[in-house]
Amino acid sequence: MGMADMDIKDLFKKFKSGSGKKDARKGNSITGFFDKNPKMKIILPALGILIAVVVAVLIILSGTGAETELEEGATVAGQAVAVLPEIERTQGETAADNVDPFAEDVIANAKITGMIYNSDGYWTAVVQTPYASYTLQVGDYVGSSKWLVESITDSTVTVSLGEKTRTLEMKK
């Protein structure tokens, strides 16, 4: 029976069963590779472990960069950044019990320690009193007191308490 004498059913049977010839090779090509190169069974895993170790060491040595410190006069996203010092007050420096830290004499001793101009067009002031430091914008109350921030310019902060008004000026 020649190729011309086969009918369609015989062709489908031949395709389903393969070419009709038995494959002399056993297994797939990867198994064949390792059969021909037995040392590669050791070399390839060792090489993978070596690459993993090198990558881990490079990650550890490069660090995350989260501890970067800003230098004085640095800019972030086009905005000037002033790095304020961290001040921890001892127990003796805190306000005594039943003392209103925003009585008139305390406001008289308050000073502006920083001004920030936002690109949206408003000012933020850092005001320090003998008892605490505050970051303020127009409309904020100073701490838990009734002193209200009425206006902020590039060198002044105006606060009010009822009819009383005080203007704090930045000392240069």
C-alpha atoms as a PDB file:
ATOM      1  CA  MET A   1       0.000   0.000   0.000  1.00  0.00           C
ATOM      2  CA  GLY A   2       1.614   3.176  -1.199  1.00  0.00           C
ATOM      3  CA  MET A   3       0.969   6.697  -0.117  1.00  0.00           C
ATOM      4  CA  ALA A   4      -1.541   7.147  -2.894  1.00  0.00           C
ATOM      5  CA  ASP A   5      -3.480   4.072  -1.763  1.00  0.00           C
ATOM      6  CA  MET A   6      -4.039   5.358   1.842  1.00  0.00           C
ATOM      7  CA  ASP A   7      -7.381   6.709   2.679  1.00  0.00           C
ATOM      8  CA  ILE A   8      -8.165   9.577   5.074  1.00  0.00           C
ATOM      9  CA  LYS A   9      -8.815   7.324   8.065  1.00  0.00           C
ATOM     10  CA  ASP A  10      -5.375   5.803   7.757  1.00  0.00           C
ATOM     11  CA  LEU A  11      -3.794   9.281   7.600  1.00  0.00           C
ATOM     12  CA  PHE A  12      -5.547  10.380  10.807  1.00  0.00           C
ATOM     13  CA  LYS A  13      -4.442   7.211  12.579  1.00  0.00           C
ATOM     14  CA  LYS A  14      -0.882   7.843  11.472  1.00  0.00           C
ATOM     15  CA  PHE A  15      -0.962  11.492  12.728  1.00  0.00           C
ATOM     16  CA  LYS A  16      -2.451  10.452  16.070  1.00  0.00           C
ATOM     17  CA  SER A  17       0.115   7.754  16.688  1.00  0.00           C
ATOM     18  CA  GLY A  18       3.090   9.738  15.442  1.00  0.00           C
ATOM     19  CA  SER A  19       5.135   9.236  12.362  1.00  0.00           C
ATOM     20  CA  GLY A  20       4.959   5.521  12.687  1.00  0.00           C
ATOM     21  CA  LYS A  21       8.683   5.214  13.521  1.00  0.00           C
ATOM     22  CA  LYS A  22       9.844   4.637  17.071  1.00  0.00           C
ATOM     23  CA  ASP A  23      12.011   7.444  18.496  1.00  0.00           C
ATOM     24  CA  ALA A  24      15.442   6.105  19.345  1.00  0.00           C
ATOM     25  CA  ARG A  25      15.994   8.756  22.059  1.00  0.00           C
ATOM     26  CA  LYS A  26      14.460   8.300  25.472  1.00  0.00           C
ATOM     27  CA  GLY A  27      13.194  11.317  27.459  1.00  0.00           C
ATOM     28  CA  ASN A  28      13.162  14.933  26.427  1.00  0.00           C
ATOM     29  CA  SER A  29      16.021  17.145  25.341  1.00  0.00           C
ATOM     30  CA  ILE A  30      16.812  18.458  28.880  1.00  0.00           C
ATOM     31  CA  THR A  31      17.246  14.956  30.236  1.00  0.00           C
ATOM     32  CA  GLY A  32      19.368  14.133  27.222  1.00  0.00           C
ATOM     33  CA  PHE A  33      21.574  17.166  27.897  1.00  0.00           C
ATOM     34  CA  PHE A  34      22.177  16.104  31.505  1.00  0.00           C
ATOM     35  CA  ASP A  35      22.814  12.517  30.398  1.00  0.00           C
ATOM     36  CA  LYS A  36      25.525  13.735  27.994  1.00  0.00           C
ATOM     37  CA  ASN A  37      26.956  16.304  30.532  1.00  0.00           C
ATOM     38  CA  PRO A  38      26.677  14.841  34.064  1.00  0.00           C
ATOM     39  CA  LYS A  39      28.874  17.567  35.632  1.00  0.00           C
ATOM     40  CA  MET A  40      26.235  20.165  34.712  1.00  0.00           C
ATOM     41  CA  LYS A  41      23.946  18.678  37.374  1.00  0.00           C
ATOM     42  CA  ILE A  42      26.311  20.233  39.923  1.00  0.00           C
ATOM     43  CA  ILE A  43      27.564  23.293  38.032  1.00  0.00           C
ATOM     44  CA  LEU A  44      24.175  24.850  37.152  1.00  0.00           C
ATOM     45  CA  PRO A  45      22.687  24.838  40.695  1.00  0.00           C
ATOM     46  CA  ALA A  46      25.991  26.128  42.116  1.00  0.00           C
ATOM     47  CA  LEU A  47      25.988  28.922  39.547  1.00  0.00           C
ATOM     48  CA  GLY A  48      22.388  29.852  40.504  1.00  0.00           C
ATOM     49  CA  ILE A  49      23.304  30.016  44.196  1.00  0.00           C
ATOM     50  CA  LEU A  50      26.375  32.134  43.408  1.00  0.00           C
ATOM     51  CA  ILE A  51      24.270  34.642  41.435  1.00  0.00           C
ATOM     52  CA  ALA A  52      21.715  34.869  44.297  1.00  0.00           C
ATOM     53  CA  VAL A  53      24.498  35.540  46.828  1.00  0.00           C
ATOM     54  CA  VAL A  54      26.074  38.254  44.654  1.00  0.00           C
ATOM     55  CA  VAL A  55      22.696  39.988  44.192  1.00  0.00           C
ATOM     56  CA  ALA A  56      21.987  39.851  47.956  1.00  0.00           C
ATOM     57  CA  VAL A  57      25.431  41.311  48.796  1.00  0.00           C
ATOM     58  CA  LEU A  58      24.963  44.142  46.268  1.00  0.00           C
ATOM     59  CA  ILE A  59      21.547  45.008  47.723  1.00  0.00           C
ATOM     60  CA  ILE A  60      22.928  45.063  51.262  1.00  0.00           C
ATOM     61  CA  LEU A  61      25.953  47.168  50.321  1.00  0.00           C
ATOM     62  CA  SER A  62      23.950  49.695  48.305  1.00  0.00           C
ATOM     63  CA  GLY A  63      21.487  50.307  51.159  1.00  0.00           C
ATOM     64  CA  THR A  64      18.034  51.817  50.758  1.00  0.00           C
ATOM     65  CA  GLY A  65      19.103  55.472  50.956  1.00  0.00           C
ATOM     66  CA  ALA A  66      16.363  56.273  53.477  1.00  0.00           C
ATOM     67  CA  GLU A  67      18.834  57.820  55.914  1.00  0.00           C
ATOM     68  CA  THR A  68      19.764  60.699  53.649  1.00  0.00           C
ATOM     69  CA  GLU A  69      20.041  64.016  55.435  1.00  0.00           C
ATOM     70  CA  LEU A  70      19.165  67.365  53.955  1.00  0.00           C
ATOM     71  CA  GLU A  71      21.887  69.937  53.816  1.00  0.00           C
ATOM     72  CA  GLU A  72      21.167  73.493  54.834  1.00  0.00           C
ATOM     73  CA  GLY A  73      19.776  75.430  51.893  1.00  0.00           C
ATOM     74  CA  ALA A  74      18.661  72.255  50.097  1.00  0.00           C
ATOM     75  CA  THR A  75      15.694  72.286  47.753  1.00  0.00           C
ATOM     76  CA  VAL A  76      13.079  69.594  47.304  1.00  0.00           C
ATOM     77  CA  ALA A  77      10.789  69.747  44.250  1.00  0.00           C
ATOM     78  CA  GLY A  78      11.807  73.358  43.667  1.00  0.00           C
ATOM     79  CA  GLN A  79      10.899  74.458  47.207  1.00  0.00           C
ATOM     80  CA  ALA A  80      13.505  75.743  49.671  1.00  0.00           C
ATOM     81  CA  VAL A  81      13.800  73.522  52.733  1.00  0.00           C
ATOM     82  CA  ALA A  82      14.806  74.750  56.164  1.00  0.00           C
ATOM     83  CA  VAL A  83      15.877  71.953  58.490  1.00  0.00           C
ATOM     84  CA  LEU A  84      14.690  72.789  61.980  1.00  0.00           C
ATOM     85  CA  PRO A  85      16.630  71.513  64.986  1.00  0.00           C
ATOM     86  CA  GLU A  86      15.017  68.895  67.189  1.00  0.00           C
ATOM     87  CA  ILE A  87      14.573  70.254  70.692  1.00  0.00           C
ATOM     88  CA  GLU A  88      13.644  68.025  73.589  1.00  0.00           C
ATOM     89  CA  ARG A  89      12.642  69.934  76.657  1.00  0.00           C
ATOM     90  CA  THR A  90      13.377  68.475  80.076  1.00  0.00           C
ATOM     91  CA  GLN A  91      10.684  68.177  82.711  1.00  0.00           C
ATOM     92  CA  GLY A  92      11.832  71.410  84.358  1.00  0.00           C
ATOM     93  CA  GLU A  93      11.298  73.347  81.113  1.00  0.00           C
ATOM     94  CA  THR A  94       7.646  72.414  80.640  1.00  0.00           C
ATOM     95  CA  ALA A  95       4.764  74.658  81.648  1.00  0.00           C
ATOM     96  CA  ALA A  96       3.721  74.455  85.256  1.00  0.00           C
ATOM     97  CA  ASP A  97       0.250  73.160  86.122  1.00  0.00           C
ATOM     98  CA  ASN A  98      -2.604  75.658  85.786  1.00  0.00           C
ATOM     99  CA  VAL A  99      -0.489  78.074  83.722  1.00  0.00           C
ATOM    100  CA  ASP A 100      -1.991  79.400  80.510  1.00  0.00           C
ATOM    101  CA  PRO A 101       0.912  79.358  78.042  1.00  0.00           C
ATOM    102  CA  PHE A 102      -0.913  81.925  75.890  1.00  0.00           C
ATOM    103  CA  ALA A 103      -1.480  84.635  78.432  1.00  0.00           C
ATOM    104  CA  GLU A 104      -0.461  88.086  77.123  1.00  0.00           C
ATOM    105  CA  ASP A 105       3.001  87.952  78.675  1.00  0.00           C
ATOM    106  CA  VAL A 106       3.722  84.632  76.967  1.00  0.00           C
ATOM    107  CA  ILE A 107       2.642  85.990  73.567  1.00  0.00           C
ATOM    108  CA  ALA A 108       4.969  88.921  74.192  1.00  0.00           C
ATOM    109  CA  ASN A 109       7.809  86.378  74.604  1.00  0.00           C
ATOM    110  CA  ALA A 110       6.859  84.330  71.543  1.00  0.00           C
ATOM    111  CA  LYS A 111       9.160  84.557  68.555  1.00  0.00           C
ATOM    112  CA  ILE A 112       8.976  83.508  64.927  1.00  0.00           C
ATOM    113  CA  THR A 113      11.647  80.921  64.170  1.00  0.00           C
ATOM    114  CA  GLY A 114      10.725  80.114  60.577  1.00  0.00           C
ATOM    115  CA  MET A 115       8.613  81.137  57.600  1.00  0.00           C
ATOM    116  CA  ILE A 116       7.608  78.913  54.687  1.00  0.00           C
ATOM    117  CA  TYR A 117       6.020  80.189  51.477  1.00  0.00           C
ATOM    118  CA  ASN A 118       4.003  77.588  49.595  1.00  0.00           C
ATOM    119  CA  SER A 119       3.763  77.666  45.813  1.00  0.00           C
ATOM    120  CA  ASP A 120      -0.039  77.829  46.243  1.00  0.00           C
ATOM    121  CA  GLY A 121       0.438  81.339  47.629  1.00  0.00           C
ATOM    122  CA  TYR A 122       0.103  81.045  51.389  1.00  0.00           C
ATOM    123  CA  TRP A 123       2.522  81.423  54.280  1.00  0.00           C
ATOM    124  CA  THR A 124       3.222  79.015  57.132  1.00  0.00           C
ATOM    125  CA  ALA A 125       4.963  80.280  60.261  1.00  0.00           C
ATOM    126  CA  VAL A 126       6.879  78.434  62.953  1.00  0.00           C
ATOM    127  CA  VAL A 127       6.316  80.220  66.267  1.00  0.00           C
ATOM    128  CA  GLN A 128       8.214  79.310  69.413  1.00  0.00           C
ATOM    129  CA  THR A 129       7.131  80.165  72.956  1.00  0.00           C
ATOM    130  CA  PRO A 130       8.975  79.317  76.148  1.00  0.00           C
ATOM    131  CA  TYR A 131       6.689  76.278  76.443  1.00  0.00           C
ATOM    132  CA  ALA A 132       6.215  74.890  72.932  1.00  0.00           C
ATOM    133  CA  SER A 133       6.733  75.384  69.185  1.00  0.00           C
ATOM    134  CA  TYR A 134       3.845  75.610  66.703  1.00  0.00           C
ATOM    135  CA  THR A 135       3.474  75.458  62.929  1.00  0.00           C
ATOM    136  CA  LEU A 136       0.685  77.894  62.026  1.00  0.00           C
ATOM    137  CA  GLN A 137      -1.342  79.090  59.047  1.00  0.00           C
ATOM    138  CA  VAL A 138      -4.011  81.780  58.791  1.00  0.00           C
ATOM    139  CA  GLY A 139      -7.165  80.597  60.585  1.00  0.00           C
ATOM    140  CA  ASP A 140      -5.341  78.278  63.010  1.00  0.00           C
ATOM    141  CA  TYR A 141      -5.627  78.573  66.761  1.00  0.00           C
ATOM    142  CA  VAL A 142      -2.285  78.649  68.556  1.00  0.00           C
ATOM    143  CA  GLY A 143      -2.180  75.337  70.399  1.00  0.00           C
ATOM    144  CA  SER A 144      -5.294  74.783  72.512  1.00  0.00           C
ATOM    145  CA  SER A 145      -5.622  78.492  73.292  1.00  0.00           C
ATOM    146  CA  LYS A 146      -8.107  81.022  71.939  1.00  0.00           C
ATOM    147  CA  TRP A 147      -5.383  83.022  70.127  1.00  0.00           C
ATOM    148  CA  LEU A 148      -6.336  83.000  66.424  1.00  0.00           C
ATOM    149  CA  VAL A 149      -3.877  83.587  63.571  1.00  0.00           C
ATOM    150  CA  GLU A 150      -5.335  86.508  61.596  1.00  0.00           C
ATOM    151  CA  SER A 151      -2.578  87.080  59.031  1.00  0.00           C
ATOM    152  CA  ILE A 152       0.937  86.008  58.079  1.00  0.00           C
ATOM    153  CA  THR A 153       3.411  87.957  55.955  1.00  0.00           C
ATOM    154  CA  ASP A 154       7.039  87.245  55.083  1.00  0.00           C
ATOM    155  CA  SER A 155       8.197  88.503  58.500  1.00  0.00           C
ATOM    156  CA  THR A 156       5.144  88.896  60.784  1.00  0.00           C
ATOM    157  CA  VAL A 157       2.348  86.874  62.336  1.00  0.00           C
ATOM    158  CA  THR A 158      -0.739  88.667  63.663  1.00  0.00           C
ATOM    159  CA  VAL A 159      -2.783  86.857  66.318  1.00  0.00           C
ATOM    160  CA  SER A 160      -5.949  87.974  68.094  1.00  0.00           C
ATOM    161  CA  LEU A 161      -7.839  87.088  71.255  1.00  0.00           C
ATOM    162  CA  GLY A 162     -11.219  88.775  71.165  1.00  0.00           C
ATOM    163  CA  GLU A 163     -10.481  92.512  70.891  1.00  0.00           C
ATOM    164  CA  LYS A 164      -6.760  92.079  71.658  1.00  0.00           C
ATOM    165  CA  THR A 165      -4.365  91.885  68.722  1.00  0.00           C
ATOM    166  CA  ARG A 166      -0.627  91.144  68.818  1.00  0.00           C
ATOM    167  CA  THR A 167       1.852  91.157  65.952  1.00  0.00           C
ATOM    168  CA  LEU A 168       4.919  88.942  66.249  1.00  0.00           C
ATOM    169  CA  GLU A 169       7.911  89.980  64.157  1.00  0.00           C
ATOM    170  CA  MET A 170      10.762  87.830  62.943  1.00  0.00           C
ATOM    171  CA  LYS A 171      14.054  88.991  64.417  1.00  0.00           C
ATOM    172  CA  LYS A 172      16.943  88.989  61.957  1.00  0.00           C
END
